[in-house]
Amino acid sequence: MQVDLIFKVAAVGILVAVLNILLTRSGREEQALMVTITGLIIVLLLVVQKINELFELIRDLFAF
């Protein structure tokens, strides 16, 4: 299993959490929400790419 994906997701999570705290405390709740949504989209894109690679591997494995 690749550990790089876990580190990437953790890095995005930590960055989003810090930015969210900073923006919330400065009274910018809307921007904090947008940062959180953007972080979620980035992580979802990373995971979808890995799922796509898995399906391609399974397809190649069972190809006749």
PDB file of N, CA and C in Angstrom:
ATOM      1  N   MET A   1       0.835  -1.187   0.000  1.00  0.00           N
ATOM      2  CA  MET A   1       0.000   0.000   0.000  1.00  0.00           C
ATOM      3  C   MET A   1       0.875   1.245   0.000  1.00  0.00           C
ATOM      4  N   GLN A   2       0.441   2.226  -0.738  1.00  0.00           N
ATOM      5  CA  GLN A   2       1.221   3.452  -0.816  1.00  0.00           C
ATOM      6  C   GLN A   2       0.915   4.351   0.377  1.00  0.00           C
ATOM      7  N   VAL A   3       1.961   4.759   1.031  1.00  0.00           N
ATOM      8  CA  VAL A   3       1.808   5.619   2.190  1.00  0.00           C
ATOM      9  C   VAL A   3       1.708   7.082   1.756  1.00  0.00           C
ATOM     10  N   ASP A   4       2.105   7.358   0.526  1.00  0.00           N
ATOM     11  CA  ASP A   4       2.077   8.732   0.026  1.00  0.00           C
ATOM     12  C   ASP A   4       0.676   9.312   0.042  1.00  0.00           C
ATOM     13  N   LEU A   5      -0.298   8.506  -0.309  1.00  0.00           N
ATOM     14  CA  LEU A   5      -1.685   8.983  -0.318  1.00  0.00           C
ATOM     15  C   LEU A   5      -2.136   9.377   1.082  1.00  0.00           C
ATOM     16  N   ILE A   6      -1.767   8.581   2.062  1.00  0.00           N
ATOM     17  CA  ILE A   6      -2.140   8.890   3.449  1.00  0.00           C
ATOM     18  C   ILE A   6      -1.497  10.198   3.895  1.00  0.00           C
ATOM     19  N   PHE A   7      -0.237  10.390   3.532  1.00  0.00           N
ATOM     20  CA  PHE A   7       0.447  11.625   3.902  1.00  0.00           C
ATOM     21  C   PHE A   7      -0.150  12.839   3.196  1.00  0.00           C
ATOM     22  N   LYS A   8      -0.535  12.668   1.935  1.00  0.00           N
ATOM     23  CA  LYS A   8      -1.153  13.776   1.205  1.00  0.00           C
ATOM     24  C   LYS A   8      -2.481  14.174   1.833  1.00  0.00           C
ATOM     25  N   VAL A   9      -3.297  13.175   2.163  1.00  0.00           N
ATOM     26  CA  VAL A   9      -4.594  13.456   2.785  1.00  0.00           C
ATOM     27  C   VAL A   9      -4.397  14.104   4.149  1.00  0.00           C
ATOM     28  N   ALA A  10      -3.434  13.618   4.912  1.00  0.00           N
ATOM     29  CA  ALA A  10      -3.161  14.203   6.225  1.00  0.00           C
ATOM     30  C   ALA A  10      -2.657  15.639   6.101  1.00  0.00           C
ATOM     31  N   ALA A  11      -1.809  15.892   5.113  1.00  0.00           N
ATOM     32  CA  ALA A  11      -1.286  17.253   4.922  1.00  0.00           C
ATOM     33  C   ALA A  11      -2.407  18.215   4.535  1.00  0.00           C
ATOM     34  N   VAL A  12      -3.279  17.785   3.649  1.00  0.00           N
ATOM     35  CA  VAL A  12      -4.407  18.642   3.255  1.00  0.00           C
ATOM     36  C   VAL A  12      -5.313  18.878   4.463  1.00  0.00           C
ATOM     37  N   GLY A  13      -5.550  17.839   5.249  1.00  0.00           N
ATOM     38  CA  GLY A  13      -6.393  17.971   6.427  1.00  0.00           C
ATOM     39  C   GLY A  13      -5.828  18.939   7.457  1.00  0.00           C
ATOM     40  N   ILE A  14      -4.544  18.838   7.710  1.00  0.00           N
ATOM     41  CA  ILE A  14      -3.905  19.748   8.675  1.00  0.00           C
ATOM     42  C   ILE A  14      -3.936  21.181   8.166  1.00  0.00           C
ATOM     43  N   LEU A  15      -3.629  21.367   6.881  1.00  0.00           N
ATOM     44  CA  LEU A  15      -3.639  22.708   6.306  1.00  0.00           C
ATOM     45  C   LEU A  15      -5.033  23.322   6.352  1.00  0.00           C
ATOM     46  N   VAL A  16      -6.037  22.542   5.998  1.00  0.00           N
ATOM     47  CA  VAL A  16      -7.417  23.036   6.016  1.00  0.00           C
ATOM     48  C   VAL A  16      -7.838  23.365   7.445  1.00  0.00           C
ATOM     49  N   ALA A  17      -7.462  22.520   8.393  1.00  0.00           N
ATOM     50  CA  ALA A  17      -7.840  22.768   9.784  1.00  0.00           C
ATOM     51  C   ALA A  17      -7.231  24.066  10.309  1.00  0.00           C
ATOM     52  N   VAL A  18      -5.969  24.294  10.012  1.00  0.00           N
ATOM     53  CA  VAL A  18      -5.300  25.518  10.476  1.00  0.00           C
ATOM     54  C   VAL A  18      -5.920  26.753   9.823  1.00  0.00           C
ATOM     55  N   LEU A  19      -6.127  26.678   8.510  1.00  0.00           N
ATOM     56  CA  LEU A  19      -6.741  27.813   7.818  1.00  0.00           C
ATOM     57  C   LEU A  19      -8.158  28.066   8.312  1.00  0.00           C
ATOM     58  N   ASN A  20      -8.889  26.996   8.574  1.00  0.00           N
ATOM     59  CA  ASN A  20     -10.252  27.134   9.068  1.00  0.00           C
ATOM     60  C   ASN A  20     -10.269  27.825  10.426  1.00  0.00           C
ATOM     61  N   ILE A  21      -9.382  27.446  11.315  1.00  0.00           N
ATOM     62  CA  ILE A  21      -9.312  28.075  12.639  1.00  0.00           C
ATOM     63  C   ILE A  21      -8.936  29.550  12.516  1.00  0.00           C
ATOM     64  N   LEU A  22      -7.931  29.837  11.684  1.00  0.00           N
ATOM     65  CA  LEU A  22      -7.499  31.226  11.523  1.00  0.00           C
ATOM     66  C   LEU A  22      -8.605  32.104  10.933  1.00  0.00           C
ATOM     67  N   LEU A  23      -9.277  31.593   9.915  1.00  0.00           N
ATOM     68  CA  LEU A  23     -10.324  32.389   9.279  1.00  0.00           C
ATOM     69  C   LEU A  23     -11.543  32.544  10.187  1.00  0.00           C
ATOM     70  N   THR A  24     -11.880  31.505  10.929  1.00  0.00           N
ATOM     71  CA  THR A  24     -13.033  31.589  11.827  1.00  0.00           C
ATOM     72  C   THR A  24     -12.786  32.596  12.940  1.00  0.00           C
ATOM     73  N   ARG A  25     -11.592  32.584  13.494  1.00  0.00           N
ATOM     74  CA  ARG A  25     -11.281  33.520  14.594  1.00  0.00           C
ATOM     75  C   ARG A  25     -11.167  34.958  14.121  1.00  0.00           C
ATOM     76  N   SER A  26     -10.894  35.147  12.827  1.00  0.00           N
ATOM     77  CA  SER A  26     -10.822  36.513  12.313  1.00  0.00           C
ATOM     78  C   SER A  26     -12.175  36.996  11.807  1.00  0.00           C
ATOM     79  N   GLY A  27     -13.219  36.170  11.982  1.00  0.00           N
ATOM     80  CA  GLY A  27     -14.557  36.591  11.611  1.00  0.00           C
ATOM     81  C   GLY A  27     -14.918  36.347  10.164  1.00  0.00           C
ATOM     82  N   ARG A  28     -14.195  35.500   9.488  1.00  0.00           N
ATOM     83  CA  ARG A  28     -14.463  35.211   8.070  1.00  0.00           C
ATOM     84  C   ARG A  28     -14.973  33.780   7.929  1.00  0.00           C
ATOM     85  N   GLU A  29     -16.165  33.561   8.416  1.00  0.00           N
ATOM     86  CA  GLU A  29     -16.730  32.213   8.404  1.00  0.00           C
ATOM     87  C   GLU A  29     -17.004  31.712   6.991  1.00  0.00           C
ATOM     88  N   GLU A  30     -17.382  32.614   6.090  1.00  0.00           N
ATOM     89  CA  GLU A  30     -17.678  32.205   4.717  1.00  0.00           C
ATOM     90  C   GLU A  30     -16.424  31.682   4.024  1.00  0.00           C
ATOM     91  N   GLN A  31     -15.308  32.383   4.197  1.00  0.00           N
ATOM     92  CA  GLN A  31     -14.062  31.932   3.589  1.00  0.00           C
ATOM     93  C   GLN A  31     -13.583  30.633   4.231  1.00  0.00           C
ATOM     94  N   ALA A  32     -13.816  30.481   5.534  1.00  0.00           N
ATOM     95  CA  ALA A  32     -13.437  29.245   6.216  1.00  0.00           C
ATOM     96  C   ALA A  32     -14.219  28.069   5.652  1.00  0.00           C
ATOM     97  N   LEU A  33     -15.493  28.277   5.383  1.00  0.00           N
ATOM     98  CA  LEU A  33     -16.307  27.223   4.793  1.00  0.00           C
ATOM     99  C   LEU A  33     -15.814  26.879   3.390  1.00  0.00           C
ATOM    100  N   MET A  34     -15.458  27.892   2.608  1.00  0.00           N
ATOM    101  CA  MET A  34     -14.956  27.646   1.257  1.00  0.00           C
ATOM    102  C   MET A  34     -13.628  26.885   1.279  1.00  0.00           C
ATOM    103  N   VAL A  35     -12.767  27.192   2.234  1.00  0.00           N
ATOM    104  CA  VAL A  35     -11.499  26.469   2.370  1.00  0.00           C
ATOM    105  C   VAL A  35     -11.771  25.012   2.722  1.00  0.00           C
ATOM    106  N   THR A  36     -12.728  24.773   3.602  1.00  0.00           N
ATOM    107  CA  THR A  36     -13.071  23.410   3.985  1.00  0.00           C
ATOM    108  C   THR A  36     -13.628  22.630   2.800  1.00  0.00           C
ATOM    109  N   ILE A  37     -14.506  23.242   2.046  1.00  0.00           N
ATOM    110  CA  ILE A  37     -15.082  22.571   0.875  1.00  0.00           C
ATOM    111  C   ILE A  37     -14.006  22.297  -0.168  1.00  0.00           C
ATOM    112  N   THR A  38     -13.108  23.249  -0.376  1.00  0.00           N
ATOM    113  CA  THR A  38     -12.015  23.052  -1.331  1.00  0.00           C
ATOM    114  C   THR A  38     -11.108  21.904  -0.900  1.00  0.00           C
ATOM    115  N   GLY A  39     -10.794  21.833   0.382  1.00  0.00           N
ATOM    116  CA  GLY A  39      -9.983  20.724   0.891  1.00  0.00           C
ATOM    117  C   GLY A  39     -10.661  19.387   0.695  1.00  0.00           C
ATOM    118  N   LEU A  40     -11.960  19.354   0.920  1.00  0.00           N
ATOM    119  CA  LEU A  40     -12.722  18.119   0.712  1.00  0.00           C
ATOM    120  C   LEU A  40     -12.690  17.694  -0.747  1.00  0.00           C
ATOM    121  N   ILE A  41     -12.830  18.640  -1.652  1.00  0.00           N
ATOM    122  CA  ILE A  41     -12.802  18.333  -3.083  1.00  0.00           C
ATOM    123  C   ILE A  41     -11.427  17.810  -3.497  1.00  0.00           C
ATOM    124  N   ILE A  42     -10.372  18.404  -2.970  1.00  0.00           N
ATOM    125  CA  ILE A  42      -9.015  17.956  -3.301  1.00  0.00           C
ATOM    126  C   ILE A  42      -8.804  16.515  -2.846  1.00  0.00           C
ATOM    127  N   VAL A  43      -9.227  16.211  -1.622  1.00  0.00           N
ATOM    128  CA  VAL A  43      -9.065  14.849  -1.104  1.00  0.00           C
ATOM    129  C   VAL A  43      -9.916  13.868  -1.907  1.00  0.00           C
ATOM    130  N   LEU A  44     -11.131  14.265  -2.257  1.00  0.00           N
ATOM    131  CA  LEU A  44     -11.982  13.388  -3.064  1.00  0.00           C
ATOM    132  C   LEU A  44     -11.365  13.104  -4.424  1.00  0.00           C
ATOM    133  N   LEU A  45     -10.745  14.107  -5.034  1.00  0.00           N
ATOM    134  CA  LEU A  45     -10.083  13.892  -6.323  1.00  0.00           C
ATOM    135  C   LEU A  45      -8.917  12.914  -6.190  1.00  0.00           C
ATOM    136  N   LEU A  46      -8.147  13.029  -5.112  1.00  0.00           N
ATOM    137  CA  LEU A  46      -7.046  12.089  -4.886  1.00  0.00           C
ATOM    138  C   LEU A  46      -7.564  10.666  -4.741  1.00  0.00           C
ATOM    139  N   VAL A  47      -8.632  10.503  -3.978  1.00  0.00           N
ATOM    140  CA  VAL A  47      -9.177   9.173  -3.744  1.00  0.00           C
ATOM    141  C   VAL A  47      -9.800   8.604  -5.017  1.00  0.00           C
ATOM    142  N   VAL A  48     -10.486   9.433  -5.785  1.00  0.00           N
ATOM    143  CA  VAL A  48     -11.106   8.956  -7.029  1.00  0.00           C
ATOM    144  C   VAL A  48     -10.042   8.496  -8.016  1.00  0.00           C
ATOM    145  N   GLN A  49      -8.918   9.183  -8.072  1.00  0.00           N
ATOM    146  CA  GLN A  49      -7.836   8.752  -8.958  1.00  0.00           C
ATOM    147  C   GLN A  49      -7.323   7.378  -8.561  1.00  0.00           C
ATOM    148  N   LYS A  50      -7.173   7.138  -7.272  1.00  0.00           N
ATOM    149  CA  LYS A  50      -6.701   5.829  -6.816  1.00  0.00           C
ATOM    150  C   LYS A  50      -7.741   4.741  -7.068  1.00  0.00           C
ATOM    151  N   ILE A  51      -9.025   5.055  -6.915  1.00  0.00           N
ATOM    152  CA  ILE A  51     -10.075   4.082  -7.214  1.00  0.00           C
ATOM    153  C   ILE A  51     -10.083   3.754  -8.703  1.00  0.00           C
ATOM    154  N   ASN A  52      -9.854   4.762  -9.540  1.00  0.00           N
ATOM    155  CA  ASN A  52      -9.770   4.533 -10.985  1.00  0.00           C
ATOM    156  C   ASN A  52      -8.607   3.595 -11.313  1.00  0.00           C
ATOM    157  N   GLU A  53      -7.466   3.807 -10.675  1.00  0.00           N
ATOM    158  CA  GLU A  53      -6.327   2.917 -10.893  1.00  0.00           C
ATOM    159  C   GLU A  53      -6.656   1.496 -10.452  1.00  0.00           C
ATOM    160  N   LEU A  54      -7.393   1.352  -9.355  1.00  0.00           N
ATOM    161  CA  LEU A  54      -7.783   0.030  -8.889  1.00  0.00           C
ATOM    162  C   LEU A  54      -8.688  -0.673  -9.897  1.00  0.00           C
ATOM    163  N   PHE A  55      -9.679   0.048 -10.432  1.00  0.00           N
ATOM    164  CA  PHE A  55     -10.577  -0.556 -11.412  1.00  0.00           C
ATOM    165  C   PHE A  55      -9.834  -0.934 -12.695  1.00  0.00           C
ATOM    166  N   GLU A  56      -8.876  -0.110 -13.106  1.00  0.00           N
ATOM    167  CA  GLU A  56      -8.082  -0.450 -14.286  1.00  0.00           C
ATOM    168  C   GLU A  56      -7.246  -1.703 -14.036  1.00  0.00           C
ATOM    169  N   LEU A  57      -6.708  -1.832 -12.843  1.00  0.00           N
ATOM    170  CA  LEU A  57      -5.924  -3.012 -12.495  1.00  0.00           C
ATOM    171  C   LEU A  57      -6.804  -4.257 -12.493  1.00  0.00           C
ATOM    172  N   ILE A  58      -7.994  -4.149 -11.940  1.00  0.00           N
ATOM    173  CA  ILE A  58      -8.910  -5.288 -11.919  1.00  0.00           C
ATOM    174  C   ILE A  58      -9.348  -5.654 -13.334  1.00  0.00           C
ATOM    175  N   ARG A  59      -9.627  -4.646 -14.160  1.00  0.00           N
ATOM    176  CA  ARG A  59     -10.011  -4.909 -15.543  1.00  0.00           C
ATOM    177  C   ARG A  59      -8.903  -5.617 -16.306  1.00  0.00           C
ATOM    178  N   ASP A  60      -7.654  -5.166 -16.126  1.00  0.00           N
ATOM    179  CA  ASP A  60      -6.521  -5.805 -16.788  1.00  0.00           C
ATOM    180  C   ASP A  60      -6.283  -7.215 -16.257  1.00  0.00           C
ATOM    181  N   LEU A  61      -6.570  -7.421 -15.002  1.00  0.00           N
ATOM    182  CA  LEU A  61      -6.362  -8.728 -14.405  1.00  0.00           C
ATOM    183  C   LEU A  61      -7.315  -9.758 -14.972  1.00  0.00           C
ATOM    184  N   PHE A  62      -8.571  -9.368 -15.197  1.00  0.00           N
ATOM    185  CA  PHE A  62      -9.568 -10.306 -15.701  1.00  0.00           C
ATOM    186  C   PHE A  62      -9.793 -10.197 -17.212  1.00  0.00           C
ATOM    187  N   ALA A  63      -8.915  -9.503 -17.912  1.00  0.00           N
ATOM    188  CA  ALA A  63      -9.048  -9.381 -19.377  1.00  0.00           C
ATOM    189  C   ALA A  63      -8.700 -10.717 -20.025  1.00  0.00           C
ATOM    190  N   PHE A  64      -9.421 -11.043 -21.063  1.00  0.00           N
ATOM    191  CA  PHE A  64      -9.205 -12.322 -21.738  1.00  0.00           C
ATOM    192  C   PHE A  64      -8.228 -12.151 -22.862  1.00  0.00           C
TER     193      PHE A  64
END
